[in-house]
């Protein structure tokens, strides 16, 4: 697995850590899941098509 680095404001980091703790995830796992879900939505480029494919079971989002 590759390592990436990015900058966020302190309050944003605190929110991420709060959500990660609530979900029982590491910060890295939370970020990975969020980006993966974001990309799944935007790869299809059309929310109606995305929603339709989700209903058909062709796309699965990770939700905790």
Protein backbone atom coordinates (compact mmCIF):
# COMPACT_ATOMS: atom_id res chain seq x y z
CA UNK A 1 0.00 0.00 0.00
CA UNK A 2 1.29 3.49 -0.85
CA UNK A 3 1.47 6.37 1.62
CA UNK A 4 0.10 9.81 0.76
CA UNK A 5 0.21 13.03 2.75
CA UNK A 6 -2.19 15.97 2.73
CA UNK A 7 -2.95 18.98 4.88
CA UNK A 8 -6.20 19.69 6.75
CA UNK A 9 -7.29 22.29 9.26
CA UNK A 10 -7.12 21.27 12.92
CA UNK A 11 -10.91 21.35 13.38
CA UNK A 12 -11.37 19.09 10.34
CA UNK A 13 -8.87 16.61 11.79
CA UNK A 14 -10.74 16.61 15.10
CA UNK A 15 -14.01 15.84 13.27
CA UNK A 16 -12.37 12.99 11.36
CA UNK A 17 -10.97 11.52 14.56
CA UNK A 18 -14.36 11.78 16.28
CA UNK A 19 -16.12 9.94 13.45
CA UNK A 20 -13.35 7.33 13.25
CA UNK A 21 -13.66 6.62 16.98
CA UNK A 22 -17.46 6.35 16.75
CA UNK A 23 -17.13 3.85 13.90
CA UNK A 24 -14.25 1.94 15.46
CA UNK A 25 -11.94 2.74 12.54
CA UNK A 26 -8.45 4.09 12.32
CA UNK A 27 -8.06 7.53 10.80
CA UNK A 28 -6.50 5.92 7.71
CA UNK A 29 -9.38 3.47 7.33
CA UNK A 30 -11.93 6.28 7.61
CA UNK A 31 -10.17 8.35 4.95
CA UNK A 32 -9.74 5.32 2.67
CA UNK A 33 -13.45 4.40 2.94
CA UNK A 34 -14.56 8.00 2.37
CA UNK A 35 -12.40 8.40 -0.72
CA UNK A 36 -13.43 5.00 -2.07
CA UNK A 37 -17.14 5.87 -1.71
CA UNK A 38 -16.58 9.32 -3.24
CA UNK A 39 -14.83 7.83 -6.25
CA UNK A 40 -17.55 5.23 -6.75
CA UNK A 41 -20.13 8.00 -6.97
CA UNK A 42 -18.10 10.21 -9.31
CA UNK A 43 -16.86 7.46 -11.61
CA UNK A 44 -20.43 7.13 -12.83
CA UNK A 45 -20.75 10.92 -13.20
CA UNK A 46 -24.53 10.80 -13.03
CA UNK A 47 -26.28 10.39 -9.68
CA UNK A 48 -29.36 8.82 -11.30
CA UNK A 49 -27.24 6.16 -13.00
CA UNK A 50 -25.30 5.61 -9.80
CA UNK A 51 -28.51 5.21 -7.75
CA UNK A 52 -29.94 2.81 -10.32
CA UNK A 53 -26.80 0.64 -10.26
CA UNK A 54 -26.84 0.63 -6.45
CA UNK A 55 -30.44 -0.59 -6.45
CA UNK A 56 -29.46 -3.37 -8.85
CA UNK A 57 -26.63 -4.36 -6.53
CA UNK A 58 -23.94 -3.51 -9.08
CA UNK A 59 -22.33 -0.95 -6.74
CA UNK A 60 -21.75 -1.33 -3.03
CA UNK A 61 -20.91 1.57 -0.72
CA UNK A 62 -19.20 0.94 2.58
CA UNK A 63 -21.47 2.32 5.29
CA UNK A 64 -20.99 1.78 9.00
